[in-house]
Amino acid sequence: MALSTNQSISLTGTSTINDQQAATFSTVVSKGLSYTSVSMQITSPDLYESNKAEVRKDRNDFQTVADNLADSLDSGSVKSTEQTA
């Protein structure tokens, strides 16, 4: 018998408009996954409806962060998930 382990990282994000939460994003990133699926939960439907473009940009930016994290796991050099403006 041998021990086998798998590293995964839970990643969450929040889309805010004028200091109000419009949506949240989440994913689990694991080494060796070819694709990372992002879940989006709309927390304020009215705010989302009036700001779809901004929330969708945040979702796409979150996907990029998740993809970069997955790539860094695969390469063995985990990078920060902090984004700079």
N, C-alpha and C. Protein backbone atom coordinates (compact mmCIF):
# COMPACT_ATOMS: atom_id res chain seq x y z
N MET A 1 0.84 -1.17 0.00
CA MET A 1 0.00 0.00 0.00
C MET A 1 0.89 1.24 0.00
N ALA A 2 0.45 2.28 -0.72
CA ALA A 2 1.23 3.51 -0.81
C ALA A 2 0.29 4.71 -0.70
N LEU A 3 0.80 5.75 -0.09
CA LEU A 3 0.02 6.98 0.05
C LEU A 3 0.07 7.77 -1.23
N SER A 4 -1.08 8.23 -1.68
CA SER A 4 -1.18 9.10 -2.85
C SER A 4 -1.91 10.36 -2.43
N THR A 5 -1.37 11.52 -2.76
CA THR A 5 -2.00 12.78 -2.40
C THR A 5 -2.23 13.64 -3.63
N ASN A 6 -3.15 14.57 -3.51
CA ASN A 6 -3.45 15.51 -4.58
C ASN A 6 -3.66 16.89 -3.95
N GLN A 7 -2.96 17.87 -4.44
CA GLN A 7 -3.09 19.23 -3.93
C GLN A 7 -4.17 19.96 -4.71
N SER A 8 -5.07 20.61 -3.97
CA SER A 8 -6.06 21.47 -4.61
C SER A 8 -6.20 22.73 -3.77
N ILE A 9 -6.61 23.79 -4.43
CA ILE A 9 -6.75 25.09 -3.78
C ILE A 9 -8.13 25.63 -4.09
N SER A 10 -8.84 26.03 -3.04
CA SER A 10 -10.15 26.66 -3.19
C SER A 10 -9.93 28.15 -3.42
N LEU A 11 -10.58 28.68 -4.44
CA LEU A 11 -10.42 30.09 -4.80
C LEU A 11 -11.80 30.74 -4.86
N THR A 12 -11.96 31.89 -4.22
CA THR A 12 -13.22 32.61 -4.25
C THR A 12 -12.98 34.07 -4.64
N GLY A 13 -14.00 34.69 -5.18
CA GLY A 13 -13.91 36.10 -5.55
C GLY A 13 -15.26 36.77 -5.44
N THR A 14 -15.26 38.08 -5.42
CA THR A 14 -16.48 38.86 -5.28
C THR A 14 -16.48 39.99 -6.29
N SER A 15 -17.61 40.17 -6.98
CA SER A 15 -17.79 41.30 -7.88
C SER A 15 -18.63 42.35 -7.16
N THR A 16 -18.04 43.54 -6.99
CA THR A 16 -18.77 44.61 -6.31
C THR A 16 -18.94 45.80 -7.24
N ILE A 17 -20.09 46.42 -7.12
CA ILE A 17 -20.43 47.63 -7.87
C ILE A 17 -20.82 48.68 -6.83
N ASN A 18 -20.11 49.80 -6.81
CA ASN A 18 -20.39 50.87 -5.84
C ASN A 18 -20.48 50.32 -4.42
N ASP A 19 -19.50 49.51 -4.03
CA ASP A 19 -19.41 48.91 -2.70
C ASP A 19 -20.55 47.96 -2.36
N GLN A 20 -21.29 47.49 -3.37
CA GLN A 20 -22.35 46.50 -3.16
C GLN A 20 -21.99 45.22 -3.91
N GLN A 21 -22.20 44.10 -3.25
CA GLN A 21 -21.88 42.82 -3.85
C GLN A 21 -22.92 42.45 -4.90
N ALA A 22 -22.44 42.18 -6.12
CA ALA A 22 -23.34 41.79 -7.21
C ALA A 22 -23.30 40.29 -7.45
N ALA A 23 -22.10 39.69 -7.29
CA ALA A 23 -21.95 38.26 -7.55
C ALA A 23 -20.70 37.75 -6.83
N THR A 24 -20.69 36.43 -6.63
CA THR A 24 -19.51 35.77 -6.10
C THR A 24 -19.09 34.68 -7.07
N PHE A 25 -17.81 34.35 -7.05
CA PHE A 25 -17.25 33.32 -7.93
C PHE A 25 -16.48 32.32 -7.06
N SER A 26 -16.47 31.08 -7.49
CA SER A 26 -15.70 30.07 -6.76
C SER A 26 -15.24 28.97 -7.71
N THR A 27 -14.15 28.34 -7.33
CA THR A 27 -13.61 27.21 -8.06
C THR A 27 -12.65 26.46 -7.16
N VAL A 28 -12.34 25.25 -7.55
CA VAL A 28 -11.28 24.47 -6.90
C VAL A 28 -10.26 24.16 -7.99
N VAL A 29 -9.03 24.54 -7.74
CA VAL A 29 -7.95 24.34 -8.71
C VAL A 29 -7.10 23.17 -8.23
N SER A 30 -6.85 22.23 -9.13
CA SER A 30 -6.02 21.07 -8.80
C SER A 30 -4.96 20.86 -9.85
N LYS A 31 -3.84 20.34 -9.42
CA LYS A 31 -2.76 20.03 -10.34
C LYS A 31 -3.22 18.95 -11.32
N GLY A 32 -2.91 19.17 -12.59
CA GLY A 32 -3.21 18.18 -13.62
C GLY A 32 -4.58 18.31 -14.27
N LEU A 33 -5.42 19.23 -13.81
CA LEU A 33 -6.71 19.43 -14.46
C LEU A 33 -6.50 20.27 -15.72
N SER A 34 -7.10 19.85 -16.81
CA SER A 34 -6.92 20.59 -18.05
C SER A 34 -7.85 21.79 -18.14
N TYR A 35 -8.90 21.81 -17.31
CA TYR A 35 -9.83 22.94 -17.34
C TYR A 35 -10.36 23.19 -15.94
N THR A 36 -10.47 24.43 -15.55
CA THR A 36 -10.99 24.81 -14.25
C THR A 36 -12.37 25.43 -14.44
N SER A 37 -13.37 24.84 -13.83
CA SER A 37 -14.74 25.32 -13.94
C SER A 37 -15.01 26.36 -12.86
N VAL A 38 -15.57 27.50 -13.26
CA VAL A 38 -15.88 28.58 -12.34
C VAL A 38 -17.39 28.64 -12.13
N SER A 39 -17.80 28.71 -10.86
CA SER A 39 -19.21 28.88 -10.51
C SER A 39 -19.46 30.34 -10.18
N MET A 40 -20.59 30.85 -10.66
CA MET A 40 -20.96 32.23 -10.35
C MET A 40 -22.32 32.22 -9.66
N GLN A 41 -22.40 32.92 -8.54
CA GLN A 41 -23.66 33.07 -7.80
C GLN A 41 -24.03 34.55 -7.82
N ILE A 42 -25.17 34.88 -8.43
CA ILE A 42 -25.62 36.27 -8.45
C ILE A 42 -26.27 36.55 -7.11
N THR A 43 -25.72 37.50 -6.39
CA THR A 43 -26.20 37.81 -5.05
C THR A 43 -27.16 38.99 -5.02
N SER A 44 -27.16 39.78 -6.07
CA SER A 44 -28.08 40.92 -6.19
C SER A 44 -28.57 40.99 -7.64
N PRO A 45 -29.70 40.34 -7.95
CA PRO A 45 -30.17 40.29 -9.33
C PRO A 45 -30.35 41.67 -9.99
N ASP A 46 -30.89 42.62 -9.28
CA ASP A 46 -31.09 43.95 -9.86
C ASP A 46 -29.76 44.62 -10.18
N LEU A 47 -28.82 44.52 -9.26
CA LEU A 47 -27.50 45.11 -9.47
C LEU A 47 -26.80 44.41 -10.64
N TYR A 48 -26.93 43.10 -10.71
CA TYR A 48 -26.35 42.35 -11.81
C TYR A 48 -26.95 42.78 -13.15
N GLU A 49 -28.26 42.85 -13.21
CA GLU A 49 -28.94 43.21 -14.46
C GLU A 49 -28.51 44.57 -14.98
N SER A 50 -28.30 45.51 -14.09
CA SER A 50 -27.92 46.85 -14.53
C SER A 50 -26.41 47.01 -14.74
N ASN A 51 -25.64 45.97 -14.43
CA ASN A 51 -24.18 46.04 -14.57
C ASN A 51 -23.59 44.75 -15.12
N LYS A 52 -24.31 44.11 -16.04
CA LYS A 52 -23.88 42.81 -16.58
C LYS A 52 -22.46 42.84 -17.14
N ALA A 53 -22.15 43.85 -17.90
CA ALA A 53 -20.83 43.91 -18.55
C ALA A 53 -19.71 43.91 -17.51
N GLU A 54 -19.87 44.69 -16.44
CA GLU A 54 -18.83 44.76 -15.42
C GLU A 54 -18.71 43.44 -14.66
N VAL A 55 -19.84 42.83 -14.32
CA VAL A 55 -19.80 41.56 -13.58
C VAL A 55 -19.21 40.47 -14.46
N ARG A 56 -19.57 40.45 -15.72
CA ARG A 56 -19.02 39.45 -16.63
C ARG A 56 -17.52 39.65 -16.83
N LYS A 57 -17.05 40.89 -16.83
CA LYS A 57 -15.61 41.14 -16.90
C LYS A 57 -14.93 40.59 -15.65
N ASP A 58 -15.54 40.82 -14.49
CA ASP A 58 -15.00 40.27 -13.25
C ASP A 58 -14.95 38.75 -13.32
N ARG A 59 -15.99 38.12 -13.85
CA ARG A 59 -16.02 36.66 -13.99
C ARG A 59 -14.87 36.19 -14.89
N ASN A 60 -14.67 36.88 -16.00
CA ASN A 60 -13.58 36.52 -16.91
C ASN A 60 -12.22 36.73 -16.26
N ASP A 61 -12.07 37.81 -15.50
CA ASP A 61 -10.82 38.06 -14.78
C ASP A 61 -10.58 36.96 -13.74
N PHE A 62 -11.65 36.52 -13.06
CA PHE A 62 -11.53 35.45 -12.09
C PHE A 62 -11.09 34.16 -12.77
N GLN A 63 -11.65 33.88 -13.94
CA GLN A 63 -11.26 32.69 -14.70
C GLN A 63 -9.77 32.74 -15.04
N THR A 64 -9.28 33.91 -15.41
CA THR A 64 -7.86 34.08 -15.73
C THR A 64 -6.99 33.80 -14.51
N VAL A 65 -7.42 34.30 -13.34
CA VAL A 65 -6.67 34.04 -12.11
C VAL A 65 -6.64 32.54 -11.83
N ALA A 66 -7.79 31.87 -11.99
CA ALA A 66 -7.87 30.43 -11.75
C ALA A 66 -6.97 29.67 -12.73
N ASP A 67 -6.99 30.07 -14.00
CA ASP A 67 -6.15 29.42 -15.00
C ASP A 67 -4.67 29.60 -14.69
N ASN A 68 -4.29 30.81 -14.29
CA ASN A 68 -2.89 31.08 -13.94
C ASN A 68 -2.46 30.26 -12.72
N LEU A 69 -3.36 30.13 -11.75
CA LEU A 69 -3.04 29.33 -10.57
C LEU A 69 -2.88 27.87 -10.95
N ALA A 70 -3.77 27.35 -11.80
CA ALA A 70 -3.66 25.96 -12.26
C ALA A 70 -2.34 25.75 -13.00
N ASP A 71 -1.96 26.69 -13.85
CA ASP A 71 -0.70 26.59 -14.58
C ASP A 71 0.49 26.57 -13.62
N SER A 72 0.43 27.40 -12.58
CA SER A 72 1.55 27.45 -11.64
C SER A 72 1.62 26.17 -10.81
N LEU A 73 0.48 25.56 -10.52
CA LEU A 73 0.50 24.26 -9.83
C LEU A 73 1.16 23.20 -10.71
N ASP A 74 0.79 23.21 -11.99
CA ASP A 74 1.35 22.24 -12.92
C ASP A 74 2.86 22.40 -13.09
N SER A 75 3.32 23.65 -13.04
CA SER A 75 4.75 23.89 -13.22
C SER A 75 5.54 23.72 -11.92
N GLY A 76 4.81 23.60 -10.82
CA GLY A 76 5.47 23.42 -9.53
C GLY A 76 5.86 24.70 -8.85
N SER A 77 5.42 25.84 -9.38
CA SER A 77 5.75 27.12 -8.75
C SER A 77 4.48 27.93 -8.56
N VAL A 78 3.77 27.66 -7.47
CA VAL A 78 2.51 28.34 -7.20
C VAL A 78 2.76 29.83 -7.07
N LYS A 79 1.97 30.62 -7.82
CA LYS A 79 2.10 32.07 -7.83
C LYS A 79 0.98 32.68 -7.01
N SER A 80 1.14 33.91 -6.62
CA SER A 80 0.11 34.63 -5.88
C SER A 80 -1.13 34.80 -6.74
N THR A 81 -2.30 34.77 -6.10
CA THR A 81 -3.55 35.00 -6.81
C THR A 81 -3.99 36.46 -6.68
N GLU A 82 -3.19 37.27 -6.02
CA GLU A 82 -3.54 38.68 -5.87
C GLU A 82 -3.46 39.37 -7.21
N GLN A 83 -4.49 40.16 -7.51
CA GLN A 83 -4.50 40.93 -8.76
C GLN A 83 -4.22 42.38 -8.44
N THR A 84 -3.49 43.01 -9.31
CA THR A 84 -3.23 44.43 -9.16
C THR A 84 -4.03 45.19 -10.21
N ALA A 85 -4.47 46.34 -9.84
CA ALA A 85 -5.30 47.14 -10.75
C ALA A 85 -4.46 47.82 -11.80
